[in-house]
Amino acid sequence: TVTIREDALLKKKKKVTAEDVAFTYNTCKENSSVNDFTMLDYAEAVDDTTVVFHMTRPFSVWPYTMALVGIVPEHSYTPSYGQAPIGSGKYMLKQWDKGQQVILEANPNYYGTKPKMQQVIILFMEEETSLAAAQAEQSDISYTSATYADVEIPQYHLFSVVSLDNRGINLPAQPSETKENGIVYGNDVTSDIAIRRAINIGIDRAAIIENVLNGYGSPAYSICDNMPWYQSASQVEYDLEQAKTILQKAGWIEAEDGIRSKNGIRASFSILYPPSDTIRQAIAEAFSNEMKNLGIEAIPECVSWDIAYDLAQSQPMIWGWGAHTPMELYNIYHSQNNTENARYSPYYNKTVDTYMDDALKSTDIEKSYELWQKAQWDGTTGITQQGDIPWIWICNIDHLYFVKEGLSIPEQKIHPHGHGWSLLNNVDLWQWSITEN
């Protein structure tokens, strides 16, 4: 049951009603939203300010899922509503030129503190164009990446925000098998737990952060570093010699060319990365170099997204994840729909599944955090180094921006995966500390 505020106003000071809220979620449910709403049966407005969500199953992280949705006023909804949405938030959409810009204006009917920044213009630019805009003083703030972090721009400074926008690698945990759909699932090298454990402690995260990210990042040990459900047992120390020992004891013997093999299987696999992402390519190449120290051949390979998901069922790939919800753990590690196969890479552990299922059934979201932690490691099994380690997490990437001098941006919350939009969460508090000419 949710009670909505009574002072949220739309255009012409029309109130947001419980009917609007129920309509929004029911429409998402009925129209196969990009978000998963299978846990929702239906939403019911019992009066003007009260909404009851009837669930198909217990789902403790429903508040996180709810927060992904913007409320749509039922009276204004048409098939073209997305072209000119109406809301009760801090800003209103004034203009949208697709692929070019969005112009927002402060909402005079907003119930909270009035925004200090009255107008915000968001330009859609690729990385290099964004940099050029700052160099030409055509933007007040431009997003950038570690690739350009060392560029000096007069009248601008580099603004760095901590994130849980991580880069990690799936290591298929099952032996290779071709299914009826023609897709290969599993990998005969990475299915050996000795390989996975050796990689996790044999990769120098600090060196990759320094060399690839110019130091703008932090080591990653899980998909949920710094979150309340993070399991501290995920953290490991870099130990190249111990990693080599693990491989040697497991029967992976180094050949004359420096690459190990076991039972006629060569320790070789591709490391996939998507096009148009220089950071992931650089991480793939750095990872490949790190693996040579272990006697493992990891061959960087650029693949388009239309085939990447299928190829990743049998080959490691550089991924980007990170969200303010424990469902990220579920989406990566749970063998959903009883397929005994996780969604993005072959992996299955019944105990891990049970912990996550129980966490979702919990009636107390904070108490559920302990179950999410146990799914990662309970002292006997889990997804950490001591357990199955089906994914290797390398780094959390700092989100970087060139900011014009005089523009004051308050402290940011930890950013999730996706560079750009999170910065605007407190744009209403931004202000100029000097008078512009």
Protein backbone atom coordinates (compact mmCIF):
# COMPACT_ATOMS: atom_id res chain seq x y z
CA THR A 1 0.00 0.00 0.00
CA VAL A 2 1.34 3.42 -1.02
CA THR A 3 0.04 6.84 0.01
CA ILE A 4 0.90 9.54 -2.52
CA ARG A 5 1.43 13.20 -1.68
CA GLU A 6 -1.44 15.61 -2.21
CA ASP A 7 0.59 18.58 -3.44
CA ALA A 8 2.07 17.09 -6.63
CA LEU A 9 0.67 19.20 -9.46
CA LEU A 10 0.60 18.82 -13.23
CA LYS A 11 -0.11 21.48 -15.84
CA LYS A 12 -2.95 23.87 -14.97
CA LYS A 13 -2.38 22.81 -11.34
CA LYS A 14 -4.21 19.53 -11.82
CA LYS A 15 -3.31 17.07 -9.04
CA VAL A 16 -1.56 13.76 -9.56
CA THR A 17 -4.09 11.16 -8.37
CA ALA A 18 -3.95 7.58 -7.23
CA GLU A 19 -5.81 6.73 -10.44
CA ASP A 20 -2.86 8.15 -12.42
CA VAL A 21 -0.45 5.98 -10.43
CA ALA A 22 -2.52 2.82 -10.86
CA PHE A 23 -3.02 3.56 -14.56
CA THR A 24 0.74 3.97 -15.08
CA TYR A 25 1.74 0.66 -13.56
CA ASN A 26 -1.14 -1.29 -15.06
CA THR A 27 -0.27 0.08 -18.50
CA CYS A 28 3.38 -0.93 -18.02
CA LYS A 29 2.24 -4.39 -16.98
CA GLU A 30 -0.16 -4.81 -19.91
CA ASN A 31 2.18 -3.49 -22.59
CA SER A 32 5.31 -5.53 -21.81
CA SER A 33 7.39 -2.64 -20.48
CA VAL A 34 11.14 -2.77 -20.92
CA ASN A 35 11.16 -3.28 -17.15
CA ASP A 36 10.10 -6.59 -15.62
CA PHE A 37 6.61 -6.31 -14.12
CA THR A 38 5.73 -10.01 -13.93
CA MET A 39 5.64 -9.71 -10.13
CA LEU A 40 2.74 -7.22 -10.35
CA ASP A 41 -0.80 -8.54 -10.72
CA TYR A 42 -2.48 -5.14 -10.84
CA ALA A 43 -2.48 -1.73 -9.16
CA GLU A 44 -5.67 -0.44 -7.56
CA ALA A 45 -6.59 3.11 -6.56
CA VAL A 46 -8.75 2.74 -3.44
CA ASP A 47 -9.17 6.51 -3.00
CA ASP A 48 -7.61 9.73 -4.36
CA THR A 49 -4.28 9.28 -2.54
CA THR A 50 -3.98 5.54 -1.83
CA VAL A 51 -2.74 2.85 -4.20
CA VAL A 52 -2.66 -0.87 -3.42
CA PHE A 53 -0.30 -3.01 -5.48
CA HIS A 54 -1.52 -6.59 -5.75
CA MET A 55 1.45 -8.86 -6.40
CA THR A 56 1.71 -12.22 -8.14
CA ARG A 57 4.49 -13.20 -5.75
CA PRO A 58 6.48 -11.70 -2.86
CA PHE A 59 9.01 -9.21 -4.18
CA SER A 60 10.99 -7.33 -1.52
CA VAL A 61 12.80 -5.06 -3.97
CA TRP A 62 9.55 -3.69 -5.42
CA PRO A 63 10.44 -0.16 -4.22
CA TYR A 64 13.52 -0.22 -6.47
CA THR A 65 11.39 -1.40 -9.41
CA MET A 66 8.70 1.21 -8.73
CA ALA A 67 11.30 3.96 -8.83
CA LEU A 68 12.17 3.17 -12.46
CA VAL A 69 8.78 4.44 -13.64
CA GLY A 70 7.62 8.01 -14.19
CA ILE A 71 3.94 8.57 -13.40
CA VAL A 72 1.75 9.25 -16.45
CA PRO A 73 -1.47 11.28 -15.99
CA GLU A 74 -4.23 9.12 -17.39
CA HIS A 75 -6.18 12.03 -18.89
CA SER A 76 -3.17 13.09 -20.98
CA TYR A 77 -2.09 9.69 -22.25
CA THR A 78 -2.14 9.05 -26.00
CA PRO A 79 0.04 6.89 -28.26
CA SER A 80 2.23 9.97 -28.83
CA TYR A 81 2.53 10.86 -25.13
CA GLY A 82 6.26 10.03 -25.13
CA GLN A 83 6.88 12.93 -27.51
CA ALA A 84 5.65 15.49 -24.97
CA PRO A 85 5.45 13.94 -21.49
CA ILE A 86 3.79 15.77 -18.59
CA GLY A 87 5.04 15.46 -15.02
CA SER A 88 4.96 16.96 -11.55
CA GLY A 89 8.73 17.05 -10.99
CA LYS A 90 11.21 19.88 -10.69
CA TYR A 91 11.36 20.52 -14.43
CA MET A 92 9.04 20.56 -17.42
CA LEU A 93 9.90 19.59 -20.98
CA LYS A 94 9.92 22.74 -23.11
CA GLN A 95 11.49 21.40 -26.31
CA TRP A 96 12.87 18.13 -27.66
CA ASP A 97 14.79 18.00 -30.92
CA LYS A 98 15.39 14.30 -31.41
CA GLY A 99 19.03 13.32 -31.54
CA GLN A 100 20.10 16.91 -30.85
CA GLN A 101 18.85 18.43 -27.61
CA VAL A 102 16.30 18.60 -24.82
CA ILE A 103 15.35 21.90 -23.15
CA LEU A 104 13.95 21.81 -19.63
CA GLU A 105 12.41 24.66 -17.67
CA ALA A 106 11.78 24.87 -13.91
CA ASN A 107 8.27 23.79 -12.94
CA PRO A 108 6.53 26.73 -11.20
CA ASN A 109 4.06 24.30 -9.59
CA TYR A 110 6.71 22.05 -8.04
CA TYR A 111 5.90 21.20 -4.42
CA GLY A 112 9.48 21.26 -3.16
CA THR A 113 12.26 23.85 -3.06
CA LYS A 114 12.32 25.83 -6.28
CA PRO A 115 15.24 24.95 -8.59
CA LYS A 116 18.16 27.39 -8.60
CA MET A 117 18.83 26.58 -12.24
CA GLN A 118 15.83 27.85 -14.18
CA GLN A 119 16.68 26.35 -17.57
CA VAL A 120 18.71 23.29 -18.51
CA ILE A 121 19.72 22.44 -22.08
CA ILE A 122 20.97 18.90 -22.65
CA LEU A 123 22.90 18.33 -25.88
CA PHE A 124 23.26 14.81 -27.29
CA MET A 125 26.88 14.36 -28.31
CA GLU A 126 29.40 11.62 -28.86
CA GLU A 127 32.49 11.63 -26.67
CA GLU A 128 34.79 13.49 -29.04
CA THR A 129 32.12 16.07 -29.93
CA SER A 130 31.48 16.67 -26.24
CA LEU A 131 35.18 17.35 -25.71
CA ALA A 132 35.25 19.73 -28.67
CA ALA A 133 32.27 21.62 -27.27
CA ALA A 134 34.16 22.29 -24.04
CA GLN A 135 37.30 23.29 -25.92
CA ALA A 136 35.25 25.81 -27.88
CA GLU A 137 33.48 26.99 -24.69
CA GLN A 138 30.14 25.99 -26.19
CA SER A 139 29.10 23.92 -23.17
CA ASP A 140 29.04 24.53 -19.44
CA ILE A 141 29.68 20.87 -18.69
CA SER A 142 30.81 18.07 -21.01
CA TYR A 143 31.03 14.41 -20.18
CA THR A 144 34.28 12.67 -21.03
CA SER A 145 36.15 9.44 -20.41
CA ALA A 146 39.48 8.52 -18.90
CA THR A 147 40.91 8.56 -22.43
CA TYR A 148 40.71 12.37 -22.44
CA ALA A 149 41.10 13.00 -18.71
CA ASP A 150 44.57 14.49 -19.12
CA VAL A 151 43.43 17.11 -21.66
CA GLU A 152 43.75 20.61 -20.24
CA ILE A 153 41.02 23.07 -21.21
CA PRO A 154 41.30 26.74 -20.19
CA GLN A 155 38.46 27.90 -17.92
CA TYR A 156 37.41 24.31 -17.20
CA HIS A 157 38.26 21.76 -14.51
CA LEU A 158 37.83 17.98 -14.41
CA PHE A 159 34.97 16.83 -12.18
CA SER A 160 35.14 13.19 -11.03
CA VAL A 161 32.23 11.20 -9.57
CA VAL A 162 32.55 7.82 -7.85
CA SER A 163 30.40 5.13 -9.45
CA LEU A 164 29.47 1.48 -9.25
CA ASP A 165 29.61 1.46 -13.05
CA ASN A 166 31.76 -1.64 -13.18
CA ARG A 167 33.56 -3.55 -15.90
CA GLY A 168 33.64 -7.29 -15.50
CA ILE A 169 34.15 -10.51 -17.42
CA ASN A 170 31.87 -13.53 -17.53
CA LEU A 171 33.67 -16.90 -17.29
CA PRO A 172 31.28 -19.63 -18.53
CA ALA A 173 31.21 -22.15 -15.70
CA GLN A 174 29.99 -25.17 -17.69
CA PRO A 175 31.77 -27.38 -20.25
CA SER A 176 31.18 -26.62 -23.92
CA GLU A 177 27.93 -27.90 -25.41
CA THR A 178 26.08 -26.98 -28.59
CA LYS A 179 22.32 -26.75 -28.03
CA GLU A 180 19.48 -27.25 -30.50
CA ASN A 181 19.39 -23.54 -31.29
CA GLY A 182 22.93 -23.83 -32.66
CA ILE A 183 24.40 -21.64 -29.92
CA VAL A 184 27.41 -22.96 -28.04
CA TYR A 185 27.01 -22.85 -24.26
CA GLY A 186 29.94 -23.21 -21.89
CA ASN A 187 33.70 -23.30 -22.34
CA ASP A 188 36.08 -26.20 -21.70
CA VAL A 189 38.75 -23.87 -20.30
CA THR A 190 36.79 -21.50 -18.07
CA SER A 191 34.59 -24.32 -16.80
CA ASP A 192 37.57 -25.43 -14.72
CA ILE A 193 37.22 -23.61 -11.39
CA ALA A 194 41.02 -23.48 -11.07
CA ILE A 195 41.15 -21.24 -14.16
CA ARG A 196 38.49 -18.91 -12.75
CA ARG A 197 40.08 -18.66 -9.31
CA ALA A 198 43.56 -18.12 -10.77
CA ILE A 199 42.31 -15.32 -13.02
CA ASN A 200 40.55 -13.55 -10.14
CA ILE A 201 43.68 -13.25 -8.01
CA GLY A 202 46.11 -13.16 -10.92
CA ILE A 203 44.81 -9.97 -12.49
CA ASP A 204 46.41 -6.71 -11.38
CA ARG A 205 43.39 -4.43 -11.06
CA ALA A 206 45.45 -1.47 -9.85
CA ALA A 207 47.67 -1.62 -12.95
CA ILE A 208 44.67 -1.71 -15.28
CA ILE A 209 43.09 1.26 -13.51
CA GLU A 210 46.33 3.22 -13.77
CA ASN A 211 47.16 2.32 -17.37
CA VAL A 212 43.67 2.23 -18.91
CA LEU A 213 41.71 4.67 -16.76
CA ASN A 214 44.56 7.06 -15.96
CA GLY A 215 43.83 6.32 -12.31
CA TYR A 216 40.17 7.38 -12.50
CA GLY A 217 38.56 4.29 -11.07
CA SER A 218 38.58 1.82 -8.20
CA PRO A 219 39.10 -1.96 -8.01
CA ALA A 220 35.88 -3.96 -8.37
CA TYR A 221 35.31 -7.27 -6.62
CA SER A 222 31.58 -7.70 -7.14
CA ILE A 223 28.69 -6.28 -9.09
CA CYS A 224 27.54 -4.35 -6.01
CA ASP A 225 30.61 -2.74 -4.40
CA ASN A 226 29.70 -0.15 -1.74
CA MET A 227 26.04 -1.17 -1.67
CA PRO A 228 24.32 -2.35 1.56
CA TRP A 229 24.06 -5.89 0.17
CA TYR A 230 27.77 -6.14 -0.73
CA GLN A 231 29.58 -9.19 0.67
CA SER A 232 33.02 -8.19 1.94
CA ALA A 233 34.28 -11.74 1.31
CA SER A 234 34.29 -10.78 -2.38
CA GLN A 235 37.50 -8.79 -1.99
CA VAL A 236 40.77 -10.51 -2.93
CA GLU A 237 44.43 -9.57 -3.02
CA TYR A 238 46.49 -9.66 -6.20
CA ASP A 239 48.82 -12.67 -5.97
CA LEU A 240 50.37 -13.74 -9.27
CA GLU A 241 52.49 -16.53 -7.79
CA GLN A 242 49.55 -18.06 -5.93
CA ALA A 243 47.51 -17.91 -9.13
CA LYS A 244 50.24 -19.83 -10.97
CA THR A 245 50.32 -22.39 -8.16
CA ILE A 246 46.57 -22.93 -8.43
CA LEU A 247 46.91 -23.66 -12.14
CA GLN A 248 49.91 -25.93 -11.71
CA LYS A 249 48.22 -28.02 -9.00
CA ALA A 250 45.11 -28.33 -11.15
CA GLY A 251 47.16 -29.84 -13.99
CA TRP A 252 47.44 -26.82 -16.27
CA ILE A 253 51.03 -27.26 -17.46
CA GLU A 254 52.93 -24.58 -19.35
CA ALA A 255 54.09 -25.51 -22.88
CA GLU A 256 57.13 -24.21 -24.78
CA ASP A 257 55.14 -21.25 -26.13
CA GLY A 258 54.23 -20.24 -22.57
CA ILE A 259 50.56 -21.23 -22.83
CA ARG A 260 49.24 -23.89 -20.47
CA SER A 261 47.23 -26.94 -21.39
CA LYS A 262 45.44 -29.77 -19.58
CA ASN A 263 44.29 -33.10 -20.99
CA GLY A 264 44.93 -31.82 -24.50
CA ILE A 265 42.93 -28.62 -23.96
CA ARG A 266 44.86 -25.41 -24.55
CA ALA A 267 44.21 -22.55 -22.07
CA SER A 268 42.95 -20.22 -24.78
CA PHE A 269 39.75 -18.27 -25.31
CA SER A 270 38.51 -15.04 -26.86
CA ILE A 271 37.89 -11.91 -24.80
CA LEU A 272 35.06 -10.08 -26.51
CA TYR A 273 34.40 -6.35 -26.48
CA PRO A 274 31.81 -4.19 -28.29
CA PRO A 275 32.68 -1.67 -31.02
CA SER A 276 32.78 2.09 -30.37
CA ASP A 277 33.94 1.63 -26.78
CA THR A 278 37.62 2.49 -26.48
CA ILE A 279 37.72 1.83 -22.73
CA ARG A 280 36.37 -1.72 -23.04
CA GLN A 281 38.76 -2.41 -25.89
CA ALA A 282 41.66 -1.16 -23.78
CA ILE A 283 40.54 -3.30 -20.83
CA ALA A 284 40.31 -6.34 -23.12
CA GLU A 285 43.85 -5.75 -24.34
CA ALA A 286 45.15 -5.14 -20.81
CA PHE A 287 43.39 -8.31 -19.64
CA SER A 288 45.01 -10.24 -22.48
CA ASN A 289 48.44 -9.04 -21.39
CA GLU A 290 47.71 -9.94 -17.76
CA MET A 291 46.70 -13.45 -18.80
CA LYS A 292 50.03 -14.03 -20.56
CA ASN A 293 51.67 -13.81 -17.13
CA LEU A 294 49.51 -16.75 -16.07
CA GLY A 295 50.13 -18.81 -19.18
CA ILE A 296 46.63 -18.18 -20.50
CA GLU A 297 45.89 -16.95 -24.03
CA ALA A 298 43.05 -14.42 -24.10
CA ILE A 299 42.50 -13.13 -27.63
CA PRO A 300 40.76 -9.70 -27.90
CA GLU A 301 37.91 -9.81 -30.40
CA CYS A 302 35.54 -7.00 -31.37
CA VAL A 303 31.93 -8.16 -31.84
CA SER A 304 28.71 -6.27 -32.55
CA TRP A 305 25.91 -6.36 -29.97
CA ASP A 306 23.57 -8.25 -32.30
CA ILE A 307 25.69 -11.40 -31.83
CA ALA A 308 27.51 -10.57 -28.58
CA TYR A 309 24.89 -12.04 -26.23
CA ASP A 310 24.96 -15.41 -28.02
CA LEU A 311 28.77 -15.51 -28.25
CA ALA A 312 29.10 -14.66 -24.55
CA GLN A 313 27.40 -17.96 -23.72
CA SER A 314 30.72 -19.62 -24.60
CA GLN A 315 33.34 -16.85 -24.55
CA PRO A 316 34.31 -14.25 -21.90
CA MET A 317 33.26 -10.69 -22.68
CA ILE A 318 33.88 -7.25 -21.19
CA TRP A 319 30.56 -6.15 -19.67
CA GLY A 320 29.32 -3.02 -17.95
CA TRP A 321 26.86 -3.27 -15.05
CA GLY A 322 26.00 -1.50 -11.81
CA ALA A 323 22.63 -0.42 -10.37
CA HIS A 324 21.13 0.73 -7.10
CA THR A 325 19.21 -2.53 -6.66
CA PRO A 326 20.15 -6.07 -5.56
CA MET A 327 18.23 -7.35 -8.58
CA GLU A 328 21.49 -6.83 -10.47
CA LEU A 329 22.82 -9.89 -8.61
CA TYR A 330 19.71 -11.86 -9.53
CA ASN A 331 19.89 -10.93 -13.20
CA ILE A 332 23.53 -12.01 -13.48
CA TYR A 333 23.73 -15.13 -11.32
CA HIS A 334 20.27 -16.66 -10.92
CA SER A 335 19.37 -19.65 -13.11
CA GLN A 336 16.07 -18.07 -14.06
CA ASN A 337 12.98 -20.01 -15.14
CA ASN A 338 14.51 -23.26 -13.85
CA THR A 339 16.72 -23.54 -16.91
CA GLU A 340 19.80 -24.36 -14.80
CA ASN A 341 21.49 -21.64 -16.77
CA ALA A 342 21.96 -17.99 -15.77
CA ARG A 343 20.83 -15.37 -18.24
CA TYR A 344 24.10 -13.91 -19.50
CA SER A 345 26.58 -16.76 -19.05
CA PRO A 346 26.25 -20.46 -18.19
CA TYR A 347 26.19 -20.84 -14.40
CA TYR A 348 24.01 -22.69 -11.89
CA ASN A 349 24.13 -23.07 -8.11
CA LYS A 350 20.91 -24.19 -6.42
CA THR A 351 21.95 -22.79 -3.03
CA VAL A 352 22.73 -19.38 -4.53
CA ASP A 353 19.35 -19.43 -6.28
CA THR A 354 17.58 -20.25 -3.02
CA TYR A 355 19.19 -17.41 -1.09
CA MET A 356 18.14 -14.93 -3.77
CA ASP A 357 14.63 -16.36 -3.98
CA ASP A 358 14.30 -16.08 -0.19
CA ALA A 359 15.64 -12.51 -0.33
CA LEU A 360 12.88 -11.58 -2.76
CA LYS A 361 10.27 -13.22 -0.51
CA SER A 362 11.42 -11.25 2.53
CA THR A 363 8.91 -8.81 4.03
CA ASP A 364 11.71 -6.55 5.27
CA ILE A 365 13.97 -5.16 2.57
CA GLU A 366 16.82 -4.33 4.96
CA LYS A 367 16.76 -7.83 6.46
CA SER A 368 16.86 -9.23 2.93
CA TYR A 369 20.34 -7.73 2.47
CA GLU A 370 21.82 -10.54 4.59
CA LEU A 371 20.35 -13.12 2.22
CA TRP A 372 21.81 -11.31 -0.79
CA GLN A 373 25.17 -11.39 1.00
CA LYS A 374 24.84 -15.13 1.67
CA ALA A 375 24.15 -15.69 -2.02
CA GLN A 376 27.59 -14.25 -2.60
CA TRP A 377 29.23 -16.30 0.17
CA ASP A 378 27.70 -18.13 3.14
CA GLY A 379 30.90 -19.70 4.47
CA THR A 380 30.51 -22.81 2.31
CA THR A 381 29.36 -21.81 -1.17
CA GLY A 382 28.59 -18.77 -3.27
CA ILE A 383 29.94 -16.69 -6.13
CA THR A 384 33.12 -15.32 -4.55
CA GLN A 385 36.74 -16.54 -4.84
CA GLN A 386 36.14 -19.27 -2.25
CA GLY A 387 33.07 -20.38 -4.20
CA ASP A 388 32.25 -20.69 -7.89
CA ILE A 389 33.58 -17.30 -9.14
CA PRO A 390 31.69 -17.35 -12.51
CA TRP A 391 32.39 -13.65 -13.10
CA ILE A 392 35.56 -11.58 -12.62
CA TRP A 393 35.08 -7.92 -11.68
CA ILE A 394 37.91 -5.58 -12.63
CA CYS A 395 37.12 -1.93 -11.94
CA ASN A 396 34.50 0.68 -11.16
CA ILE A 397 34.87 3.56 -13.59
CA ASP A 398 34.80 7.13 -12.28
CA HIS A 399 32.38 9.30 -14.25
CA LEU A 400 34.27 12.31 -15.57
CA TYR A 401 33.13 15.73 -16.75
CA PHE A 402 34.76 18.97 -17.87
CA VAL A 403 33.04 21.74 -15.89
CA LYS A 404 33.28 25.47 -16.65
CA GLU A 405 34.79 27.52 -13.85
CA GLY A 406 32.13 29.20 -11.75
CA LEU A 407 29.56 26.41 -12.11
CA SER A 408 28.97 24.87 -8.69
CA ILE A 409 27.77 21.24 -8.61
CA PRO A 410 26.89 19.80 -5.17
CA GLU A 411 28.15 16.39 -4.07
CA GLN A 412 26.81 13.55 -6.16
CA LYS A 413 25.48 10.20 -5.04
CA ILE A 414 27.32 7.12 -6.31
CA HIS A 415 26.48 6.87 -10.01
CA PRO A 416 25.10 3.63 -11.49
CA HIS A 417 26.05 2.17 -14.87
CA GLY A 418 25.48 4.64 -17.68
CA HIS A 419 27.45 7.86 -18.08
CA GLY A 420 25.53 11.10 -18.25
CA TRP A 421 21.97 11.17 -16.91
CA SER A 422 22.82 10.45 -13.25
CA LEU A 423 24.73 13.73 -13.10
CA LEU A 424 21.44 15.59 -13.54
CA ASN A 425 19.77 14.11 -10.46
CA ASN A 426 20.56 17.27 -8.47
CA VAL A 427 20.71 19.77 -11.35
CA ASP A 428 18.11 21.87 -9.53
CA LEU A 429 20.81 22.66 -6.93
CA TRP A 430 23.48 23.73 -9.43
CA GLN A 431 24.31 27.41 -9.52
CA TRP A 432 26.75 29.93 -10.87
CA SER A 433 29.11 31.33 -8.25
CA ILE A 434 30.14 34.20 -10.52
CA THR A 435 28.19 36.54 -12.75
CA GLU A 436 28.39 35.63 -16.42
CA ASN A 437 29.10 38.32 -19.00
